[in-house]
PDB file of all heavy atoms in Angstrom:
ATOM      1  N   LEU A   1      78.617  77.180-114.519  1.00  0.00           N
ATOM      2  CA  LEU A   1      78.155  76.165-113.556  1.00  0.00           C
ATOM      3  C   LEU A   1      77.329  75.083-114.232  1.00  0.00           C
ATOM      4  O   LEU A   1      77.285  73.946-113.752  1.00  0.00           O
ATOM      5  CB  LEU A   1      77.357  76.834-112.434  1.00  0.00           C
ATOM      6  CG  LEU A   1      78.200  77.660-111.462  1.00  0.00           C
ATOM      7  CD1 LEU A   1      77.313  78.484-110.546  1.00  0.00           C
ATOM      8  CD2 LEU A   1      79.134  76.757-110.655  1.00  0.00           C
ATOM      9  N   GLN A   2      76.677  75.420-115.349  1.00  0.00           N
ATOM     10  CA  GLN A   2      75.925  74.409-116.093  1.00  0.00           C
ATOM     11  C   GLN A   2      76.847  73.393-116.758  1.00  0.00           C
ATOM     12  O   GLN A   2      76.479  72.237-116.941  1.00  0.00           O
ATOM     13  CB  GLN A   2      75.046  75.077-117.164  1.00  0.00           C
ATOM     14  CG  GLN A   2      73.937  75.921-116.615  1.00  0.00           C
ATOM     15  CD  GLN A   2      72.932  75.093-115.831  1.00  0.00           C
ATOM     16  OE1 GLN A   2      72.521  74.022-116.255  1.00  0.00           O
ATOM     17  NE2 GLN A   2      72.550  75.583-114.662  1.00  0.00           N
ATOM     18  N   ILE A   3      78.060  73.825-117.081  1.00  0.00           N
ATOM     19  CA  ILE A   3      79.018  72.973-117.797  1.00  0.00           C
ATOM     20  C   ILE A   3      79.939  72.226-116.842  1.00  0.00           C
ATOM     21  O   ILE A   3      80.268  71.066-117.056  1.00  0.00           O
ATOM     22  CB  ILE A   3      79.869  73.820-118.765  1.00  0.00           C
ATOM     23  CG1 ILE A   3      78.994  74.418-119.861  1.00  0.00           C
ATOM     24  CG2 ILE A   3      80.998  72.998-119.371  1.00  0.00           C
ATOM     25  CD1 ILE A   3      79.715  75.430-120.731  1.00  0.00           C
ATOM     26  N   LEU A   4      80.381  72.897-115.778  1.00  0.00           N
ATOM     27  CA  LEU A   4      81.379  72.319-114.880  1.00  0.00           C
ATOM     28  C   LEU A   4      80.798  71.133-114.117  1.00  0.00           C
ATOM     29  O   LEU A   4      79.668  71.208-113.628  1.00  0.00           O
ATOM     30  CB  LEU A   4      81.886  73.382-113.896  1.00  0.00           C
ATOM     31  CG  LEU A   4      82.672  74.518-114.543  1.00  0.00           C
ATOM     32  CD1 LEU A   4      82.808  75.694-113.588  1.00  0.00           C
ATOM     33  CD2 LEU A   4      84.045  74.019-114.985  1.00  0.00           C
ATOM     34  N   PRO A   5      81.563  70.053-113.989  1.00  0.00           N
ATOM     35  CA  PRO A   5      81.072  68.859-113.287  1.00  0.00           C
ATOM     36  C   PRO A   5      80.777  69.154-111.817  1.00  0.00           C
ATOM     37  O   PRO A   5      81.509  69.890-111.161  1.00  0.00           O
ATOM     38  CB  PRO A   5      82.227  67.857-113.404  1.00  0.00           C
ATOM     39  CG  PRO A   5      83.165  68.413-114.417  1.00  0.00           C
ATOM     40  CD  PRO A   5      82.913  69.877-114.518  1.00  0.00           C
ATOM     41  N   GLU A   6      79.707  68.567-111.307  1.00  0.00           N
ATOM     42  CA  GLU A   6      79.290  68.762-109.916  1.00  0.00           C
ATOM     43  C   GLU A   6      80.413  68.454-108.933  1.00  0.00           C
ATOM     44  O   GLU A   6      80.558  69.134-107.941  1.00  0.00           O
ATOM     45  CB  GLU A   6      78.083  67.879-109.591  1.00  0.00           C
ATOM     46  CG  GLU A   6      76.782  68.381-110.169  1.00  0.00           C
ATOM     47  CD  GLU A   6      76.277  69.659-109.517  1.00  0.00           C
ATOM     48  OE1 GLU A   6      76.531  69.875-108.310  1.00  0.00           O
ATOM     49  OE2 GLU A   6      75.625  70.445-110.221  1.00  0.00           O
ATOM     50  N   GLY A   7      81.195  67.438-109.183  1.00  0.00           N
ATOM     51  CA  GLY A   7      82.227  67.019-108.242  1.00  0.00           C
ATOM     52  C   GLY A   7      83.522  67.808-108.312  1.00  0.00           C
ATOM     53  O   GLY A   7      84.445  67.566-107.539  1.00  0.00           O
ATOM     54  N   ASP A   8      83.609  68.768-109.224  1.00  0.00           N
ATOM     55  CA  ASP A   8      84.847  69.521-109.404  1.00  0.00           C
ATOM     56  C   ASP A   8      84.763  70.851-108.657  1.00  0.00           C
ATOM     57  O   ASP A   8      84.548  71.911-109.236  1.00  0.00           O
ATOM     58  CB  ASP A   8      85.111  69.758-110.894  1.00  0.00           C
ATOM     59  CG  ASP A   8      86.488  70.332-111.174  1.00  0.00           C
ATOM     60  OD1 ASP A   8      87.184  70.725-110.209  1.00  0.00           O
ATOM     61  OD2 ASP A   8      86.868  70.404-112.352  1.00  0.00           O
ATOM     62  N   GLY A   9      84.946  70.777-107.344  1.00  0.00           N
ATOM     63  CA  GLY A   9      84.849  71.961-106.505  1.00  0.00           C
ATOM     64  C   GLY A   9      85.847  73.030-106.864  1.00  0.00           C
ATOM     65  O   GLY A   9      85.539  74.226-106.824  1.00  0.00           O
ATOM     66  N   GLU A  10      87.041  72.623-107.235  1.00  0.00           N
ATOM     67  CA  GLU A  10      88.085  73.598-107.591  1.00  0.00           C
ATOM     68  C   GLU A  10      87.659  74.457-108.776  1.00  0.00           C
ATOM     69  O   GLU A  10      87.923  75.656-108.814  1.00  0.00           O
ATOM     70  CB  GLU A  10      89.389  72.880-107.917  1.00  0.00           C
ATOM     71  CG  GLU A  10      90.527  73.809-108.226  1.00  0.00           C
ATOM     72  CD  GLU A  10      91.817  73.067-108.557  1.00  0.00           C
ATOM     73  OE1 GLU A  10      92.052  71.994-107.992  1.00  0.00           O
ATOM     74  OE2 GLU A  10      92.564  73.576-109.393  1.00  0.00           O
ATOM     75  N   ALA A  11      86.973  73.858-109.732  1.00  0.00           N
ATOM     76  CA  ALA A  11      86.537  74.591-110.916  1.00  0.00           C
ATOM     77  C   ALA A  11      85.244  75.366-110.660  1.00  0.00           C
ATOM     78  O   ALA A  11      85.061  76.459-111.191  1.00  0.00           O
ATOM     79  CB  ALA A  11      86.349  73.635-112.085  1.00  0.00           C
ATOM     80  N   ARG A  12      84.349  74.825-109.828  1.00  0.00           N
ATOM     81  CA  ARG A  12      83.044  75.459-109.589  1.00  0.00           C
ATOM     82  C   ARG A  12      83.116  76.638-108.622  1.00  0.00           C
ATOM     83  O   ARG A  12      82.351  77.589-108.731  1.00  0.00           O
ATOM     84  CB  ARG A  12      82.048  74.415-109.078  1.00  0.00           C
ATOM     85  CG  ARG A  12      81.716  73.346-110.098  1.00  0.00           C
ATOM     86  CD  ARG A  12      80.743  72.322-109.545  1.00  0.00           C
ATOM     87  NE  ARG A  12      79.434  72.870-109.302  1.00  0.00           N
ATOM     88  CZ  ARG A  12      78.487  73.047-110.242  1.00  0.00           C
ATOM     89  NH1 ARG A  12      78.735  72.699-111.491  1.00  0.00           N
ATOM     90  NH2 ARG A  12      77.313  73.553-109.926  1.00  0.00           N
ATOM     91  N   THR A  13      84.038  76.567-107.673  1.00  0.00           N
ATOM     92  CA  THR A  13      84.100  77.589-106.628  1.00  0.00           C
ATOM     93  C   THR A  13      84.274  79.004-107.176  1.00  0.00           C
ATOM     94  O   THR A  13      83.561  79.922-106.738  1.00  0.00           O
ATOM     95  CB  THR A  13      85.205  77.239-105.617  1.00  0.00           C
ATOM     96  OG1 THR A  13      84.872  75.985-105.012  1.00  0.00           O
ATOM     97  CG2 THR A  13      85.330  78.287-104.548  1.00  0.00           C
ATOM     98  N   PRO A  14      85.169  79.261-108.141  1.00  0.00           N
ATOM     99  CA  PRO A  14      85.297  80.639-108.646  1.00  0.00           C
ATOM    100  C   PRO A  14      84.005  81.190-109.258  1.00  0.00           C
ATOM    101  O   PRO A  14      83.721  82.383-109.129  1.00  0.00           O
ATOM    102  CB  PRO A  14      86.406  80.537-109.692  1.00  0.00           C
ATOM    103  CG  PRO A  14      87.205  79.343-109.276  1.00  0.00           C
ATOM    104  CD  PRO A  14      86.201  78.387-108.701  1.00  0.00           C
ATOM    105  N   ALA A  15      83.214  80.335-109.887  1.00  0.00           N
ATOM    106  CA  ALA A  15      81.943  80.797-110.456  1.00  0.00           C
ATOM    107  C   ALA A  15      80.985  81.196-109.333  1.00  0.00           C
ATOM    108  O   ALA A  15      80.308  82.230-109.413  1.00  0.00           O
ATOM    109  CB  ALA A  15      81.328  79.722-111.340  1.00  0.00           C
ATOM    110  N   HIS A  16      80.943  80.389-108.267  1.00  0.00           N
ATOM    111  CA  HIS A  16      80.096  80.747-107.121  1.00  0.00           C
ATOM    112  C   HIS A  16      80.602  82.019-106.446  1.00  0.00           C
ATOM    113  O   HIS A  16      79.808  82.879-106.058  1.00  0.00           O
ATOM    114  CB  HIS A  16      80.054  79.604-106.102  1.00  0.00           C
ATOM    115  CG  HIS A  16      79.218  78.445-106.523  1.00  0.00           C
ATOM    116  ND1 HIS A  16      77.866  78.546-106.772  1.00  0.00           N
ATOM    117  CD2 HIS A  16      79.544  77.153-106.741  1.00  0.00           C
ATOM    118  CE1 HIS A  16      77.397  77.359-107.118  1.00  0.00           C
ATOM    119  NE2 HIS A  16      78.389  76.498-107.117  1.00  0.00           N
ATOM    120  N   GLU A  17      81.909  82.147-106.311  1.00  0.00           N
ATOM    121  CA  GLU A  17      82.479  83.359-105.706  1.00  0.00           C
ATOM    122  C   GLU A  17      82.085  84.595-106.517  1.00  0.00           C
ATOM    123  O   GLU A  17      81.770  85.646-105.958  1.00  0.00           O
ATOM    124  CB  GLU A  17      83.996  83.260-105.627  1.00  0.00           C
ATOM    125  CG  GLU A  17      84.496  82.338-104.540  1.00  0.00           C
ATOM    126  CD  GLU A  17      86.004  82.333-104.461  1.00  0.00           C
ATOM    127  OE1 GLU A  17      86.628  81.566-105.227  1.00  0.00           O
ATOM    128  OE2 GLU A  17      86.553  83.091-103.644  1.00  0.00           O
ATOM    129  N   LEU A  18      82.107  84.466-107.831  1.00  0.00           N
ATOM    130  CA  LEU A  18      81.722  85.587-108.679  1.00  0.00           C
ATOM    131  C   LEU A  18      80.245  85.923-108.493  1.00  0.00           C
ATOM    132  O   LEU A  18      79.866  87.100-108.425  1.00  0.00           O
ATOM    133  CB  LEU A  18      82.024  85.273-110.141  1.00  0.00           C
ATOM    134  CG  LEU A  18      81.811  86.450-111.063  1.00  0.00           C
ATOM    135  CD1 LEU A  18      82.784  87.574-110.721  1.00  0.00           C
ATOM    136  CD2 LEU A  18      81.977  86.044-112.490  1.00  0.00           C
ATOM    137  N   LEU A  19      79.418  84.901-108.353  1.00  0.00           N
ATOM    138  CA  LEU A  19      77.994  85.154-108.114  1.00  0.00           C
ATOM    139  C   LEU A  19      77.755  85.788-106.748  1.00  0.00           C
ATOM    140  O   LEU A  19      76.805  86.555-106.575  1.00  0.00           O
ATOM    141  CB  LEU A  19      77.191  83.861-108.294  1.00  0.00           C
ATOM    142  CG  LEU A  19      77.089  83.396-109.750  1.00  0.00           C
ATOM    143  CD1 LEU A  19      76.493  81.999-109.840  1.00  0.00           C
ATOM    144  CD2 LEU A  19      76.279  84.393-110.581  1.00  0.00           C
ATOM    145  N   VAL A  20      78.616  85.507-105.781  1.00  0.00           N
ATOM    146  CA  VAL A  20      78.558  86.199-104.489  1.00  0.00           C
ATOM    147  C   VAL A  20      78.823  87.687-104.708  1.00  0.00           C
ATOM    148  O   VAL A  20      78.095  88.554-104.199  1.00  0.00           O
ATOM    149  CB  VAL A  20      79.578  85.618-103.481  1.00  0.00           C
ATOM    150  CG1 VAL A  20      79.797  86.556-102.296  1.00  0.00           C
ATOM    151  CG2 VAL A  20      79.138  84.245-102.989  1.00  0.00           C
ATOM    152  N   LYS A  21      79.864  88.002-105.481  1.00  0.00           N
ATOM    153  CA  LYS A  21      80.199  89.404-105.751  1.00  0.00           C
ATOM    154  C   LYS A  21      79.055  90.118-106.475  1.00  0.00           C
ATOM    155  O   LYS A  21      78.737  91.265-106.164  1.00  0.00           O
ATOM    156  CB  LYS A  21      81.468  89.499-106.594  1.00  0.00           C
ATOM    157  CG  LYS A  21      82.714  89.093-105.859  1.00  0.00           C
ATOM    158  CD  LYS A  21      83.915  89.153-106.794  1.00  0.00           C
ATOM    159  CE  LYS A  21      85.168  88.659-106.121  1.00  0.00           C
ATOM    160  NZ  LYS A  21      86.321  88.668-107.027  1.00  0.00           N
ATOM    161  N   VAL A  22      78.445  89.424-107.418  1.00  0.00           N
ATOM    162  CA  VAL A  22      77.311  89.996-108.150  1.00  0.00           C
ATOM    163  C   VAL A  22      76.173  90.289-107.182  1.00  0.00           C
ATOM    164  O   VAL A  22      75.586  91.372-107.196  1.00  0.00           O
ATOM    165  CB  VAL A  22      76.852  89.052-109.281  1.00  0.00           C
ATOM    166  CG1 VAL A  22      75.490  89.468-109.838  1.00  0.00           C
ATOM    167  CG2 VAL A  22      77.888  89.007-110.401  1.00  0.00           C
ATOM    168  N   ALA A  23      75.866  89.323-106.325  1.00  0.00           N
ATOM    169  CA  ALA A  23      74.776  89.503-105.367  1.00  0.00           C
ATOM    170  C   ALA A  23      75.065  90.670-104.427  1.00  0.00           C
ATOM    171  O   ALA A  23      74.172  91.478-104.143  1.00  0.00           O
ATOM    172  CB  ALA A  23      74.555  88.213-104.574  1.00  0.00           C
ATOM    173  N   LEU A  24      76.297  90.764-103.949  1.00  0.00           N
ATOM    174  CA  LEU A  24      76.648  91.872-103.058  1.00  0.00           C
ATOM    175  C   LEU A  24      76.594  93.216-103.788  1.00  0.00           C
ATOM    176  O   LEU A  24      76.174  94.217-103.215  1.00  0.00           O
ATOM    177  CB  LEU A  24      78.020  91.635-102.431  1.00  0.00           C
ATOM    178  CG  LEU A  24      78.070  90.497-101.401  1.00  0.00           C
ATOM    179  CD1 LEU A  24      79.508  90.204-100.990  1.00  0.00           C
ATOM    180  CD2 LEU A  24      77.201  90.806-100.190  1.00  0.00           C
ATOM    181  N   ALA A  25      76.987  93.227-105.048  1.00  0.00           N
ATOM    182  CA  ALA A  25      76.905  94.462-105.834  1.00  0.00           C
ATOM    183  C   ALA A  25      75.452  94.895-106.014  1.00  0.00           C
ATOM    184  O   ALA A  25      75.162  96.083-106.118  1.00  0.00           O
ATOM    185  CB  ALA A  25      77.572  94.266-107.202  1.00  0.00           C
ATOM    186  N   ARG A  26      74.562  93.937-106.012  1.00  0.00           N
ATOM    187  CA  ARG A  26      73.126  94.220-106.142  1.00  0.00           C
ATOM    188  C   ARG A  26      72.453  94.404-104.774  1.00  0.00           C
ATOM    189  O   ARG A  26      71.230  94.529-104.709  1.00  0.00           O
ATOM    190  CB  ARG A  26      72.443  93.074-106.884  1.00  0.00           C
ATOM    191  CG  ARG A  26      72.864  92.923-108.321  1.00  0.00           C
ATOM    192  CD  ARG A  26      72.220  91.705-108.917  1.00  0.00           C
ATOM    193  NE  ARG A  26      72.480  91.613-110.346  1.00  0.00           N
ATOM    194  CZ  ARG A  26      72.319  90.503-111.065  1.00  0.00           C
ATOM    195  NH1 ARG A  26      71.892  89.393-110.478  1.00  0.00           N
ATOM    196  NH2 ARG A  26      72.587  90.499-112.341  1.00  0.00           N
ATOM    197  N   ASN A  27      73.228  94.331-103.709  1.00  0.00           N
ATOM    198  CA  ASN A  27      72.705  94.401-102.335  1.00  0.00           C
ATOM    199  C   ASN A  27      71.686  93.306-102.052  1.00  0.00           C
ATOM    200  O   ASN A  27      70.732  93.506-101.292  1.00  0.00           O
ATOM    201  CB  ASN A  27      72.104  95.782-102.035  1.00  0.00           C
ATOM    202  CG  ASN A  27      73.160  96.859-102.017  1.00  0.00           C
ATOM    203  OD1 ASN A  27      74.206  96.687-101.398  1.00  0.00           O
ATOM    204  ND2 ASN A  27      72.901  97.949-102.706  1.00  0.00           N
ATOM    205  N   ASP A  28      71.900  92.142-102.645  1.00  0.00           N
ATOM    206  CA  ASP A  28      71.026  90.980-102.443  1.00  0.00           C
ATOM    207  C   ASP A  28      71.740  90.019-101.488  1.00  0.00           C
ATOM    208  O   ASP A  28      72.428  89.095-101.910  1.00  0.00           O
ATOM    209  CB  ASP A  28      70.737  90.317-103.789  1.00  0.00           C
ATOM    210  CG  ASP A  28      69.721  89.187-103.693  1.00  0.00           C
ATOM    211  OD1 ASP A  28      69.420  88.727-102.568  1.00  0.00           O
ATOM    212  OD2 ASP A  28      69.237  88.757-104.754  1.00  0.00           O
TER     213      ASP A  28
END
């Protein structure tokens, strides 16, 4: 997410989705 351009939703979304999975795995 630090590298991917802010306006590139297609590229950024999978990283956010993965962070959702991480948060859910941590029960956060």
